[in-house]
Protein backbone atom coordinates (compact mmCIF):
# COMPACT_ATOMS: atom_id res chain seq x y z
CA MET A 1 161.37 134.67 71.79
CA THR A 2 161.26 133.00 68.40
CA VAL A 3 164.24 130.96 67.38
CA LYS A 4 165.01 130.89 63.62
CA ASP A 5 166.06 127.75 61.88
CA PRO A 6 169.68 127.71 60.69
CA SER A 7 170.13 128.26 56.94
CA TRP A 8 170.88 124.59 56.36
CA MET A 9 167.45 123.64 57.72
CA LEU A 10 165.42 125.92 55.51
CA GLY A 11 162.97 123.68 53.62
CA GLY A 12 163.64 120.84 56.04
CA THR A 13 161.42 119.37 58.81
CA TYR A 14 161.71 117.94 62.22
CA MET A 15 160.98 114.29 63.30
CA ALA A 16 160.00 113.09 66.74
CA PHE A 17 160.26 109.49 67.86
CA LEU A 18 158.62 108.24 71.03
CA ARG A 19 158.64 104.54 72.05
CA LEU A 20 155.55 103.98 74.17
CA ALA A 21 154.99 100.83 76.20
CA ILE A 22 151.39 99.78 76.55
CA ASP A 23 150.04 98.00 79.71
CA LEU A 24 147.85 95.43 77.83
CA ALA A 25 146.55 93.98 81.16
CA ALA A 26 145.11 97.45 82.09
CA TRP A 27 143.72 97.95 78.56
CA ARG A 28 142.14 94.47 78.34
CA ALA A 29 140.49 94.99 81.75
CA LYS A 30 138.30 97.55 79.99
CA GLY A 31 135.31 96.35 78.06
CA ARG A 32 135.04 96.90 74.29
CA GLU A 33 132.63 99.82 74.75
CA GLU A 34 134.84 101.61 77.23
CA GLN A 35 137.81 101.11 74.93
CA GLU A 36 135.90 102.59 72.08
CA ILE A 37 134.86 105.59 74.17
CA LEU A 38 138.42 106.19 75.26
CA VAL A 39 139.71 106.17 71.71
CA GLY A 40 136.70 107.81 70.14
CA ARG A 41 136.18 105.26 67.40
CA ASP A 42 134.43 101.91 66.75
CA LYS A 43 136.90 99.11 67.37
CA VAL A 44 135.88 97.12 64.26
CA THR A 45 135.13 99.71 61.66
CA GLY A 46 137.32 102.62 62.81
CA CYS A 47 134.35 104.87 62.37
CA PRO A 48 134.28 107.93 64.66
CA LEU A 49 131.73 107.99 67.47
CA ALA A 50 129.06 110.58 67.42
CA ALA A 51 127.64 110.18 70.99
CA VAL A 52 127.55 108.08 74.08
CA SER A 53 124.05 106.96 74.91
CA GLY A 54 123.42 105.07 78.18
CA GLY A 55 127.13 104.36 78.41
CA ARG A 56 127.24 102.81 74.91
CA PRO A 57 129.12 104.27 71.95
CA VAL A 58 127.05 105.55 68.97
CA VAL A 59 128.83 105.41 65.61
CA THR A 60 128.70 108.51 63.31
CA PRO A 61 125.82 108.14 60.80
CA GLY A 62 126.93 107.32 57.28
CA CYS A 63 130.00 105.44 58.37
CA PRO A 64 131.34 103.02 57.37
CA ALA A 65 131.15 103.70 53.70
CA GLY A 66 130.33 100.14 52.82
CA ALA A 67 129.56 98.82 49.42
CA ASN A 68 127.62 101.85 48.22
CA ARG A 69 130.66 104.11 47.88
CA GLY A 70 128.89 106.47 45.49
CA GLN A 71 126.22 107.19 48.11
CA SER A 72 128.46 107.37 51.16
CA PRO A 73 131.69 109.37 52.01
CA LEU A 74 134.84 107.24 51.98
CA HIS A 75 136.26 109.01 55.08
CA VAL A 76 134.06 110.58 57.84
CA GLU A 77 135.82 113.14 60.09
CA PRO A 78 133.36 114.51 62.67
CA ASP A 79 133.18 117.89 64.17
CA ALA A 80 133.67 118.21 67.86
CA PRO A 81 131.04 116.47 69.88
CA PRO A 82 128.52 118.76 71.75
CA MET A 83 129.66 120.01 75.14
CA THR A 84 127.30 117.60 76.76
CA GLU A 85 129.28 114.73 75.31
CA THR A 86 131.94 114.91 77.97
CA LEU A 87 133.26 111.38 77.53
CA LEU A 88 133.73 111.82 73.71
CA ARG A 89 135.43 115.23 74.16
CA GLN A 90 137.93 113.52 76.40
CA SER A 91 138.60 110.72 73.95
CA HIS A 92 142.03 110.27 72.45
CA MET A 93 140.79 111.20 69.00
CA HIS A 94 139.33 114.53 70.02
CA ARG A 95 142.22 115.34 72.52
CA THR A 96 144.77 114.99 69.69
CA ASN A 97 142.90 117.18 67.23
CA PRO A 98 141.60 120.35 68.80
CA ASN A 99 140.78 121.72 65.40
CA ARG A 100 137.56 119.81 65.83
CA HIS A 101 136.80 122.10 68.84
CA GLY A 102 136.90 125.29 66.91
CA VAL A 103 140.69 125.84 67.15
CA GLN A 104 141.60 127.01 63.70
CA ASP A 105 145.44 126.73 63.96
CA GLY A 106 146.67 124.61 61.13
CA ASP A 107 150.21 125.25 62.29
CA ASN A 108 149.62 122.71 65.16
CA ARG A 109 148.90 119.90 62.71
CA ILE A 110 151.49 117.16 62.56
CA PHE A 111 151.93 114.17 60.25
CA ARG A 112 152.12 111.11 62.45
CA GLN A 113 152.20 107.38 62.27
CA GLY A 114 152.50 104.58 64.84
CA TYR A 115 154.30 101.28 64.44
CA GLU A 116 153.79 98.44 66.84
CA PHE A 117 156.81 96.79 68.53
CA VAL A 118 157.32 93.65 70.63
CA GLU A 119 160.64 93.21 72.52
CA LEU A 120 161.96 90.61 74.97
CA LEU A 121 163.17 92.22 78.19
CA ALA A 122 166.06 90.89 80.27
CA THR A 123 163.41 89.41 82.66
CA ASN A 124 162.21 87.14 79.81
CA GLN A 125 158.93 89.21 79.67
CA LEU A 126 157.54 90.79 76.59
CA ARG A 127 157.12 94.51 76.32
CA ILE A 128 154.49 95.57 73.75
CA GLY A 129 153.95 99.03 72.55
CA LEU A 130 153.95 101.64 69.83
CA ASN A 131 156.75 103.45 68.05
CA PHE A 132 155.27 106.94 67.54
CA VAL A 133 156.92 108.85 64.62
CA SER A 134 155.76 112.34 63.66
CA PHE A 135 156.98 115.12 61.35
CA GLN A 136 156.34 118.83 62.06
CA ARG A 137 157.84 122.09 60.95
CA ASP A 138 158.54 122.98 64.55
CA LEU A 139 159.16 120.74 67.47
CA GLY A 140 157.24 123.11 69.69
CA ARG A 141 154.08 121.92 67.96
CA LEU A 142 154.46 118.40 69.23
CA ILE A 143 155.61 119.48 72.63
CA GLY A 144 152.42 121.71 72.86
CA ILE A 145 150.23 118.78 71.93
CA LEU A 146 151.79 116.61 74.60
CA ARG A 147 151.68 119.23 77.36
CA GLN A 148 148.75 121.54 76.79
CA ILE A 149 145.88 120.82 79.11
CA SER A 150 143.23 121.04 76.39
CA TRP A 151 145.09 118.40 74.40
CA LEU A 152 146.97 115.52 76.01
CA GLY A 153 148.64 117.58 78.81
CA ASN A 154 146.58 116.19 81.69
CA ALA A 155 145.62 112.69 80.40
CA ASN A 156 147.74 109.61 79.90
CA PHE A 157 146.02 108.74 76.57
CA GLY A 158 142.38 109.67 76.67
CA GLY A 159 139.60 109.82 79.15
CA VAL A 160 139.45 111.79 82.40
CA PRO A 161 142.43 113.83 83.54
CA ASP A 162 145.12 112.09 85.49
CA GLY A 163 144.41 111.92 89.24
CA ALA A 164 140.63 112.08 88.64
CA PRO A 165 138.47 109.05 89.56
CA GLY A 166 138.55 106.57 86.73
CA ALA A 167 141.88 107.88 85.18
CA ILE A 168 143.91 104.99 83.71
CA ASN A 169 147.65 105.05 82.99
CA PHE A 170 148.36 102.30 80.51
CA VAL A 171 150.77 104.10 78.25
CA SER A 172 154.40 104.92 79.47
CA LEU A 173 157.29 106.46 77.69
CA VAL A 174 160.28 104.15 77.27
CA THR A 175 162.54 106.45 75.19
CA GLY A 176 162.43 109.12 72.59
CA GLY A 177 164.23 111.75 70.61
CA PHE A 178 163.84 114.78 68.38
CA TYR A 179 165.78 114.94 65.08
CA ALA A 180 166.43 117.63 62.49
CA VAL A 181 165.71 116.43 58.92
CA PRO A 182 167.51 118.75 56.48
CA PRO A 183 165.99 119.24 52.99
CA ASN A 184 166.90 116.53 50.50
CA GLY A 185 170.08 117.13 48.61
CA GLU A 186 171.19 120.07 50.77
CA PRO A 187 174.36 120.05 52.79
CA PHE A 188 174.11 119.97 56.61
CA PRO A 189 176.63 120.07 59.47
CA GLY A 190 178.81 116.95 59.37
CA GLU A 191 177.83 116.20 55.76
CA GLU A 192 181.47 116.09 54.65
CA ILE A 193 182.31 112.96 56.82
CA LEU A 194 179.85 110.95 54.75
CA ARG A 195 181.80 111.52 51.58
């Protein structure tokens, strides 16, 4: 069953907010190369990885753009790695964008950004993490990304599925919420109390 947006939301969007705590001790226990493979990008340049050879990440050719911008692309977005590149196919970068794997569903694209946070807990310890904010035309899109097995559904961040040997759980949800964002200038329920 498809639920239609109410008339006051036509032309609006939906925002999701997730506060994710990161277990830095677990992350730092991983070497740089393993971190890069889990993310799918080179830690220094941000370039996507093309392969894993002998347990070592291999950066996509032509990246970074460097000083010769006229001869090199400014932004390199790779296609899906070959099926033989299991580790890269399980990386966070490839799990969060199945379009690279031949899925041609632009409806499942979301606009997202992360913002770091540091907070002092009542125990006088610091909690460090990421405030994840995304905008999408339908909240079902984000829920699908978070739950679907071929995306993040069976992995904490990236890498092998939860419960499998080598799985790591270094990201945990602290809080979150979903919000309706009506179109600019349009009235919405409760708008009259702001006058």
